[in-house]
PDB file of all heavy atoms in Angstrom:
ATOM      1  N   ASP A   1      15.152 115.319  48.198  1.00  0.00           N
ATOM      2  CA  ASP A   1      15.283 116.650  47.590  1.00  0.00           C
ATOM      3  C   ASP A   1      16.366 116.673  46.509  1.00  0.00           C
ATOM      4  O   ASP A   1      17.001 117.688  46.290  1.00  0.00           O
ATOM      5  CB  ASP A   1      15.568 117.707  48.664  1.00  0.00           C
ATOM      6  CG  ASP A   1      16.943 117.551  49.311  1.00  0.00           C
ATOM      7  OD1 ASP A   1      17.583 116.510  49.081  1.00  0.00           O
ATOM      8  OD2 ASP A   1      17.360 118.471  50.036  1.00  0.00           O
ATOM      9  N   SER A   2      16.552 115.558  45.835  1.00  0.00           N
ATOM     10  CA  SER A   2      17.554 115.330  44.776  1.00  0.00           C
ATOM     11  C   SER A   2      18.928 115.011  45.339  1.00  0.00           C
ATOM     12  O   SER A   2      19.906 114.958  44.602  1.00  0.00           O
ATOM     13  CB  SER A   2      17.673 116.523  43.810  1.00  0.00           C
ATOM     14  OG  SER A   2      18.394 117.603  44.376  1.00  0.00           O
ATOM     15  N   GLY A   3      19.012 114.711  46.635  1.00  0.00           N
ATOM     16  CA  GLY A   3      20.291 114.409  47.258  1.00  0.00           C
ATOM     17  C   GLY A   3      20.728 112.963  47.123  1.00  0.00           C
ATOM     18  O   GLY A   3      21.828 112.608  47.569  1.00  0.00           O
ATOM     19  N   ARG A   4      19.889 112.098  46.520  1.00  0.00           N
ATOM     20  CA  ARG A   4      20.241 110.695  46.346  1.00  0.00           C
ATOM     21  C   ARG A   4      19.981 110.295  44.894  1.00  0.00           C
ATOM     22  O   ARG A   4      18.997 110.715  44.286  1.00  0.00           O
ATOM     23  CB  ARG A   4      19.413 109.791  47.275  1.00  0.00           C
ATOM     24  CG  ARG A   4      19.543 110.118  48.757  1.00  0.00           C
ATOM     25  CD  ARG A   4      20.914 109.763  49.307  1.00  0.00           C
ATOM     26  NE  ARG A   4      20.961 109.961  50.756  1.00  0.00           N
ATOM     27  CZ  ARG A   4      21.264 111.101  51.362  1.00  0.00           C
ATOM     28  NH1 ARG A   4      21.545 112.181  50.634  1.00  0.00           N
ATOM     29  NH2 ARG A   4      21.271 111.196  52.681  1.00  0.00           N
ATOM     30  N   HIS A   5      20.827 109.424  44.383  1.00  0.00           N
ATOM     31  CA  HIS A   5      20.713 109.057  42.973  1.00  0.00           C
ATOM     32  C   HIS A   5      19.445 108.279  42.668  1.00  0.00           C
ATOM     33  O   HIS A   5      18.990 108.256  41.524  1.00  0.00           O
ATOM     34  CB  HIS A   5      21.936 108.221  42.548  1.00  0.00           C
ATOM     35  CG  HIS A   5      22.004 106.874  43.196  1.00  0.00           C
ATOM     36  ND1 HIS A   5      22.603 106.663  44.426  1.00  0.00           N
ATOM     37  CD2 HIS A   5      21.540 105.660  42.796  1.00  0.00           C
ATOM     38  CE1 HIS A   5      22.511 105.384  44.742  1.00  0.00           C
ATOM     39  NE2 HIS A   5      21.879 104.747  43.764  1.00  0.00           N
ATOM     40  N   PHE A   6      18.881 107.630  43.667  1.00  0.00           N
ATOM     41  CA  PHE A   6      17.695 106.787  43.448  1.00  0.00           C
ATOM     42  C   PHE A   6      16.397 107.578  43.634  1.00  0.00           C
ATOM     43  O   PHE A   6      15.313 107.003  43.592  1.00  0.00           O
ATOM     44  CB  PHE A   6      17.709 105.574  44.381  1.00  0.00           C
ATOM     45  CG  PHE A   6      17.955 105.910  45.827  1.00  0.00           C
ATOM     46  CD1 PHE A   6      16.932 106.347  46.650  1.00  0.00           C
ATOM     47  CD2 PHE A   6      19.233 105.801  46.355  1.00  0.00           C
ATOM     48  CE1 PHE A   6      17.170 106.675  47.968  1.00  0.00           C
ATOM     49  CE2 PHE A   6      19.480 106.120  47.685  1.00  0.00           C
ATOM     50  CZ  PHE A   6      18.440 106.560  48.498  1.00  0.00           C
ATOM     51  N   TYR A   7      16.489 108.891  43.865  1.00  0.00           N
ATOM     52  CA  TYR A   7      15.291 109.728  43.979  1.00  0.00           C
ATOM     53  C   TYR A   7      15.561 111.032  43.233  1.00  0.00           C
ATOM     54  O   TYR A   7      15.943 112.039  43.809  1.00  0.00           O
ATOM     55  CB  TYR A   7      14.972 110.018  45.456  1.00  0.00           C
ATOM     56  CG  TYR A   7      13.542 110.502  45.682  1.00  0.00           C
ATOM     57  CD1 TYR A   7      12.528 109.590  45.929  1.00  0.00           C
ATOM     58  CD2 TYR A   7      13.224 111.854  45.628  1.00  0.00           C
ATOM     59  CE1 TYR A   7      11.229 110.021  46.132  1.00  0.00           C
ATOM     60  CE2 TYR A   7      11.928 112.300  45.825  1.00  0.00           C
ATOM     61  CZ  TYR A   7      10.931 111.378  46.082  1.00  0.00           C
ATOM     62  OH  TYR A   7       9.638 111.805  46.276  1.00  0.00           O
ATOM     63  N   ASP A   8      15.389 110.978  41.903  1.00  0.00           N
ATOM     64  CA  ASP A   8      15.758 112.129  41.092  1.00  0.00           C
ATOM     65  C   ASP A   8      15.118 112.008  39.711  1.00  0.00           C
ATOM     66  O   ASP A   8      14.422 111.020  39.421  1.00  0.00           O
ATOM     67  CB  ASP A   8      17.281 112.214  40.961  1.00  0.00           C
ATOM     68  CG  ASP A   8      17.776 113.648  40.796  1.00  0.00           C
ATOM     69  OD1 ASP A   8      16.983 114.502  40.353  1.00  0.00           O
ATOM     70  OD2 ASP A   8      18.950 113.914  41.088  1.00  0.00           O
ATOM     71  N   VAL A   9      15.365 112.999  38.873  1.00  0.00           N
ATOM     72  CA  VAL A   9      14.919 112.952  37.482  1.00  0.00           C
ATOM     73  C   VAL A   9      16.150 112.881  36.585  1.00  0.00           C
ATOM     74  O   VAL A   9      17.206 113.432  36.920  1.00  0.00           O
ATOM     75  CB  VAL A   9      14.064 114.184  37.118  1.00  0.00           C
ATOM     76  CG1 VAL A   9      12.773 114.181  37.903  1.00  0.00           C
ATOM     77  CG2 VAL A   9      14.822 115.482  37.347  1.00  0.00           C
ATOM     78  N   TYR A  10      15.990 112.187  35.444  1.00  0.00           N
ATOM     79  CA  TYR A  10      17.109 111.991  34.525  1.00  0.00           C
ATOM     80  C   TYR A  10      16.695 112.359  33.106  1.00  0.00           C
ATOM     81  O   TYR A  10      15.574 112.053  32.670  1.00  0.00           O
ATOM     82  CB  TYR A  10      17.599 110.545  34.588  1.00  0.00           C
ATOM     83  CG  TYR A  10      18.282 110.213  35.901  1.00  0.00           C
ATOM     84  CD1 TYR A  10      17.562 109.676  36.959  1.00  0.00           C
ATOM     85  CD2 TYR A  10      19.638 110.483  36.080  1.00  0.00           C
ATOM     86  CE1 TYR A  10      18.192 109.392  38.184  1.00  0.00           C
ATOM     87  CE2 TYR A  10      20.268 110.207  37.290  1.00  0.00           C
ATOM     88  CZ  TYR A  10      19.538 109.671  38.335  1.00  0.00           C
ATOM     89  OH  TYR A  10      20.160 109.411  39.528  1.00  0.00           O
ATOM     90  N   ARG A  11      17.625 112.987  32.411  1.00  0.00           N
ATOM     91  CA  ARG A  11      17.372 113.440  31.043  1.00  0.00           C
ATOM     92  C   ARG A  11      17.602 112.299  30.053  1.00  0.00           C
ATOM     93  O   ARG A  11      18.579 111.563  30.155  1.00  0.00           O
ATOM     94  CB  ARG A  11      18.299 114.609  30.707  1.00  0.00           C
ATOM     95  CG  ARG A  11      17.926 115.379  29.446  1.00  0.00           C
ATOM     96  CD  ARG A  11      18.815 116.618  29.323  1.00  0.00           C
ATOM     97  NE  ARG A  11      18.356 117.531  28.280  1.00  0.00           N
ATOM     98  CZ  ARG A  11      18.735 117.479  27.018  1.00  0.00           C
ATOM     99  NH1 ARG A  11      19.619 116.545  26.647  1.00  0.00           N
ATOM    100  NH2 ARG A  11      18.277 118.335  26.135  1.00  0.00           N
ATOM    101  N   CYS A  12      16.697 112.177  29.091  1.00  0.00           N
ATOM    102  CA  CYS A  12      16.789 111.116  28.091  1.00  0.00           C
ATOM    103  C   CYS A  12      17.372 111.681  26.790  1.00  0.00           C
ATOM    104  O   CYS A  12      17.616 112.877  26.656  1.00  0.00           O
ATOM    105  CB  CYS A  12      15.402 110.517  27.844  1.00  0.00           C
ATOM    106  SG  CYS A  12      14.615 109.902  29.358  1.00  0.00           S
ATOM    107  N   SER A  13      17.569 110.796  25.829  1.00  0.00           N
ATOM    108  CA  SER A  13      18.252 111.205  24.598  1.00  0.00           C
ATOM    109  C   SER A  13      17.444 112.200  23.782  1.00  0.00           C
ATOM    110  O   SER A  13      18.007 112.942  22.971  1.00  0.00           O
ATOM    111  CB  SER A  13      18.573 109.973  23.742  1.00  0.00           C
ATOM    112  OG  SER A  13      17.381 109.334  23.314  1.00  0.00           O
ATOM    113  N   ASP A  14      16.122 112.239  23.979  1.00  0.00           N
ATOM    114  CA  ASP A  14      15.275 113.170  23.226  1.00  0.00           C
ATOM    115  C   ASP A  14      15.042 114.478  23.972  1.00  0.00           C
ATOM    116  O   ASP A  14      14.222 115.300  23.560  1.00  0.00           O
ATOM    117  CB  ASP A  14      13.937 112.520  22.882  1.00  0.00           C
ATOM    118  CG  ASP A  14      13.198 111.999  24.108  1.00  0.00           C
ATOM    119  OD1 ASP A  14      13.754 112.091  25.225  1.00  0.00           O
ATOM    120  OD2 ASP A  14      12.067 111.497  23.962  1.00  0.00           O
ATOM    121  N   GLY A  15      15.735 114.667  25.096  1.00  0.00           N
ATOM    122  CA  GLY A  15      15.571 115.892  25.869  1.00  0.00           C
ATOM    123  C   GLY A  15      14.439 115.837  26.875  1.00  0.00           C
ATOM    124  O   GLY A  15      14.266 116.767  27.656  1.00  0.00           O
ATOM    125  N   GLU A  16      13.668 114.753  26.877  1.00  0.00           N
ATOM    126  CA  GLU A  16      12.609 114.577  27.875  1.00  0.00           C
ATOM    127  C   GLU A  16      13.203 113.941  29.134  1.00  0.00           C
ATOM    128  O   GLU A  16      14.369 113.540  29.142  1.00  0.00           O
ATOM    129  CB  GLU A  16      11.485 113.707  27.303  1.00  0.00           C
ATOM    130  CG  GLU A  16      10.841 114.260  26.046  1.00  0.00           C
ATOM    131  CD  GLU A  16      10.083 115.551  26.285  1.00  0.00           C
ATOM    132  OE1 GLU A  16       9.730 115.823  27.453  1.00  0.00           O
ATOM    133  OE2 GLU A  16       9.861 116.293  25.317  1.00  0.00           O
ATOM    134  N   TYR A  17      12.380 113.821  30.169  1.00  0.00           N
ATOM    135  CA  TYR A  17      12.875 113.338  31.455  1.00  0.00           C
ATOM    136  C   TYR A  17      12.039 112.176  31.985  1.00  0.00           C
ATOM    137  O   TYR A  17      10.873 112.001  31.624  1.00  0.00           O
ATOM    138  CB  TYR A  17      12.862 114.468  32.491  1.00  0.00           C
ATOM    139  CG  TYR A  17      13.919 115.515  32.250  1.00  0.00           C
ATOM    140  CD1 TYR A  17      13.706 116.541  31.321  1.00  0.00           C
ATOM    141  CD2 TYR A  17      15.130 115.488  32.928  1.00  0.00           C
ATOM    142  CE1 TYR A  17      14.668 117.511  31.084  1.00  0.00           C
ATOM    143  CE2 TYR A  17      16.105 116.455  32.697  1.00  0.00           C
ATOM    144  CZ  TYR A  17      15.870 117.452  31.768  1.00  0.00           C
ATOM    145  OH  TYR A  17      16.826 118.398  31.540  1.00  0.00           O
ATOM    146  N   VAL A  18      12.670 111.385  32.855  1.00  0.00           N
ATOM    147  CA  VAL A  18      11.973 110.341  33.612  1.00  0.00           C
ATOM    148  C   VAL A  18      12.246 110.571  35.089  1.00  0.00           C
ATOM    149  O   VAL A  18      13.241 111.187  35.469  1.00  0.00           O
ATOM    150  CB  VAL A  18      12.437 108.923  33.205  1.00  0.00           C
ATOM    151  CG1 VAL A  18      12.033 108.606  31.774  1.00  0.00           C
ATOM    152  CG2 VAL A  18      13.941 108.766  33.400  1.00  0.00           C
ATOM    153  N   SER A  19      11.338 110.073  35.919  1.00  0.00           N
ATOM    154  CA  SER A  19      11.513 110.197  37.365  1.00  0.00           C
ATOM    155  C   SER A  19      11.749 108.825  37.975  1.00  0.00           C
ATOM    156  O   SER A  19      11.131 107.833  37.579  1.00  0.00           O
ATOM    157  CB  SER A  19      10.270 110.834  38.000  1.00  0.00           C
ATOM    158  OG  SER A  19       9.152 109.960  37.942  1.00  0.00           O
ATOM    159  N   VAL A  20      12.653 108.786  38.936  1.00  0.00           N
ATOM    160  CA  VAL A  20      12.979 107.559  39.662  1.00  0.00           C
ATOM    161  C   VAL A  20      12.820 107.855  41.146  1.00  0.00           C
ATOM    162  O   VAL A  20      13.348 108.849  41.645  1.00  0.00           O
ATOM    163  CB  VAL A  20      14.423 107.106  39.360  1.00  0.00           C
ATOM    164  CG1 VAL A  20      14.821 105.952  40.269  1.00  0.00           C
ATOM    165  CG2 VAL A  20      14.554 106.702  37.894  1.00  0.00           C
ATOM    166  N   GLY A  21      12.087 107.008  41.838  1.00  0.00           N
ATOM    167  CA  GLY A  21      11.869 107.211  43.280  1.00  0.00           C
ATOM    168  C   GLY A  21      11.996 105.913  44.047  1.00  0.00           C
ATOM    169  O   GLY A  21      11.178 105.599  44.910  1.00  0.00           O
ATOM    170  N   SER A  22      13.040 105.147  43.751  1.00  0.00           N
ATOM    171  CA  SER A  22      13.202 103.797  44.309  1.00  0.00           C
ATOM    172  C   SER A  22      13.839 103.853  45.695  1.00  0.00           C
ATOM    173  O   SER A  22      14.986 103.428  45.892  1.00  0.00           O
ATOM    174  CB  SER A  22      14.045 102.944  43.358  1.00  0.00           C
ATOM    175  OG  SER A  22      13.549 103.015  42.042  1.00  0.00           O
ATOM    176  N   ILE A  23      13.111 104.339  46.670  1.00  0.00           N
ATOM    177  CA  ILE A  23      13.653 104.510  48.015  1.00  0.00           C
ATOM    178  C   ILE A  23      13.820 103.173  48.740  1.00  0.00           C
ATOM    179  O   ILE A  23      14.881 102.869  49.292  1.00  0.00           O
ATOM    180  CB  ILE A  23      12.752 105.445  48.846  1.00  0.00           C
ATOM    181  CG1 ILE A  23      12.742 106.856  48.241  1.00  0.00           C
ATOM    182  CG2 ILE A  23      13.219 105.495  50.296  1.00  0.00           C
ATOM    183  CD1 ILE A  23      11.799 107.812  48.933  1.00  0.00           C
ATOM    184  N   GLU A  24      12.774 102.369  48.748  1.00  0.00           N
ATOM    185  CA  GLU A  24      12.816 101.103  49.485  1.00  0.00           C
ATOM    186  C   GLU A  24      13.753 100.105  48.800  1.00  0.00           C
ATOM    187  O   GLU A  24      13.831 100.066  47.562  1.00  0.00           O
ATOM    188  CB  GLU A  24      11.413 100.507  49.599  1.00  0.00           C
ATOM    189  CG  GLU A  24      10.449 101.331  50.447  1.00  0.00           C
ATOM    190  CD  GLU A  24       9.834 102.520  49.716  1.00  0.00           C
ATOM    191  OE1 GLU A  24      10.107 102.670  48.496  1.00  0.00           O
ATOM    192  OE2 GLU A  24       9.088 103.285  50.339  1.00  0.00           O
ATOM    193  N   PRO A  25      14.459  99.299  49.565  1.00  0.00           N
ATOM    194  CA  PRO A  25      15.443  98.363  48.999  1.00  0.00           C
ATOM    195  C   PRO A  25      14.879  97.446  47.920  1.00  0.00           C
ATOM    196  O   PRO A  25      15.544  97.194  46.915  1.00  0.00           O
ATOM    197  CB  PRO A  25      15.914  97.569  50.218  1.00  0.00           C
ATOM    198  CG  PRO A  25      15.716  98.507  51.369  1.00  0.00           C
ATOM    199  CD  PRO A  25      14.476  99.280  51.054  1.00  0.00           C
ATOM    200  N   VAL A  26      13.652  96.967  48.108  1.00  0.00           N
ATOM    201  CA  VAL A  26      13.093  96.040  47.131  1.00  0.00           C
ATOM    202  C   VAL A  26      12.902  96.726  45.783  1.00  0.00           C
ATOM    203  O   VAL A  26      13.168  96.138  44.715  1.00  0.00           O
ATOM    204  CB  VAL A  26      11.765  95.435  47.639  1.00  0.00           C
ATOM    205  CG1 VAL A  26      10.710  96.513  47.886  1.00  0.00           C
ATOM    206  CG2 VAL A  26      11.229  94.394  46.667  1.00  0.00           C
ATOM    207  N   PHE A  27      12.459  97.994  45.813  1.00  0.00           N
ATOM    208  CA  PHE A  27      12.239  98.712  44.559  1.00  0.00           C
ATOM    209  C   PHE A  27      13.562  99.134  43.931  1.00  0.00           C
ATOM    210  O   PHE A  27      13.703  99.154  42.700  1.00  0.00           O
ATOM    211  CB  PHE A  27      11.344  99.928  44.797  1.00  0.00           C
ATOM    212  CG  PHE A  27       9.996  99.572  45.384  1.00  0.00           C
ATOM    213  CD1 PHE A  27       9.506 100.237  46.496  1.00  0.00           C
ATOM    214  CD2 PHE A  27       9.220  98.578  44.818  1.00  0.00           C
ATOM    215  CE1 PHE A  27       8.288  99.916  47.039  1.00  0.00           C
ATOM    216  CE2 PHE A  27       7.982  98.236  45.354  1.00  0.00           C
ATOM    217  CZ  PHE A  27       7.515  98.909  46.468  1.00  0.00           C
ATOM    218  N   TYR A  28      14.536  99.442  44.756  1.00  0.00           N
ATOM    219  CA  TYR A  28      15.859  99.807  44.245  1.00  0.00           C
ATOM    220  C   TYR A  28      16.489  98.609  43.540  1.00  0.00           C
ATOM    221  O   TYR A  28      17.077  98.747  42.454  1.00  0.00           O
ATOM    222  CB  TYR A  28      16.738 100.283  45.392  1.00  0.00           C
ATOM    223  CG  TYR A  28      18.116 100.734  44.965  1.00  0.00           C
ATOM    224  CD1 TYR A  28      18.284 101.833  44.123  1.00  0.00           C
ATOM    225  CD2 TYR A  28      19.258 100.061  45.402  1.00  0.00           C
ATOM    226  CE1 TYR A  28      19.555 102.256  43.741  1.00  0.00           C
ATOM    227  CE2 TYR A  28      20.535 100.478  45.019  1.00  0.00           C
ATOM    228  CZ  TYR A  28      20.667 101.575  44.179  1.00  0.00           C
ATOM    229  OH  TYR A  28      21.915 101.985  43.801  1.00  0.00           O
ATOM    230  N   ALA A  29      16.353  97.441  44.133  1.00  0.00           N
ATOM    231  CA  ALA A  29      16.902  96.236  43.514  1.00  0.00           C
ATOM    232  C   ALA A  29      16.232  95.972  42.166  1.00  0.00           C
ATOM    233  O   ALA A  29      16.895  95.577  41.189  1.00  0.00           O
ATOM    234  CB  ALA A  29      16.726  95.046  44.451  1.00  0.00           C
ATOM    235  N   ARG A  30      14.917  96.209  42.102  1.00  0.00           N
ATOM    236  CA  ARG A  30      14.204  96.002  40.844  1.00  0.00           C
ATOM    237  C   ARG A  30      14.635  97.016  39.791  1.00  0.00           C
ATOM    238  O   ARG A  30      14.713  96.704  38.599  1.00  0.00           O
ATOM    239  CB  ARG A  30      12.696  96.099  41.083  1.00  0.00           C
ATOM    240  CG  ARG A  30      12.130  94.920  41.871  1.00  0.00           C
ATOM    241  CD  ARG A  30      10.678  95.134  42.240  1.00  0.00           C
ATOM    242  NE  ARG A  30      10.163  94.028  43.046  1.00  0.00           N
ATOM    243  CZ  ARG A  30       9.004  94.036  43.686  1.00  0.00           C
ATOM    244  NH1 ARG A  30       8.221  95.112  43.596  1.00  0.00           N
ATOM    245  NH2 ARG A  30       8.613  93.004  44.394  1.00  0.00           N
ATOM    246  N   LEU A  31      14.916  98.239  40.216  1.00  0.00           N
ATOM    247  CA  LEU A  31      15.387  99.255  39.285  1.00  0.00           C
ATOM    248  C   LEU A  31      16.720  98.839  38.668  1.00  0.00           C
ATOM    249  O   LEU A  31      16.885  98.871  37.440  1.00  0.00           O
ATOM    250  CB  LEU A  31      15.540 100.604  39.996  1.00  0.00           C
ATOM    251  CG  LEU A  31      16.164 101.720  39.160  1.00  0.00           C
ATOM    252  CD1 LEU A  31      15.204 102.172  38.062  1.00  0.00           C
ATOM    253  CD2 LEU A  31      16.582 102.898  40.041  1.00  0.00           C
ATOM    254  N   LEU A  32      17.666  98.434  39.511  1.00  0.00           N
ATOM    255  CA  LEU A  32      18.973  98.024  39.004  1.00  0.00           C
ATOM    256  C   LEU A  32      18.849  96.835  38.051  1.00  0.00           C
ATOM    257  O   LEU A  32      19.514  96.787  37.014  1.00  0.00           O
ATOM    258  CB  LEU A  32      19.898  97.680  40.174  1.00  0.00           C
ATOM    259  CG  LEU A  32      20.266  98.829  41.125  1.00  0.00           C
ATOM    260  CD1 LEU A  32      21.160  98.313  42.248  1.00  0.00           C
ATOM    261  CD2 LEU A  32      20.952  99.968  40.363  1.00  0.00           C
ATOM    262  N   ALA A  33      17.988  95.880  38.424  1.00  0.00           N
ATOM    263  CA  ALA A  33      17.812  94.699  37.573  1.00  0.00           C
ATOM    264  C   ALA A  33      17.216  95.084  36.224  1.00  0.00           C
ATOM    265  O   ALA A  33      17.658  94.606  35.169  1.00  0.00           O
ATOM    266  CB  ALA A  33      16.926  93.682  38.282  1.00  0.00           C
ATOM    267  N   ALA A  34      16.211  95.957  36.244  1.00  0.00           N
ATOM    268  CA  ALA A  34      15.563  96.359  35.003  1.00  0.00           C
ATOM    269  C   ALA A  34      16.509  97.144  34.097  1.00  0.00           C
ATOM    270  O   ALA A  34      16.411  97.080  32.869  1.00  0.00           O
ATOM    271  CB  ALA A  34      14.325  97.197  35.307  1.00  0.00           C
TER     272      ALA A  34
END
């Protein structure tokens, strides 16, 4: 419910947004690496 940094939306430089939902450890590790 937006209480964790790895499950939230983030604002980009053009004012648009992206969503991140890297709950599982393997996906979180891939997010950090990317």
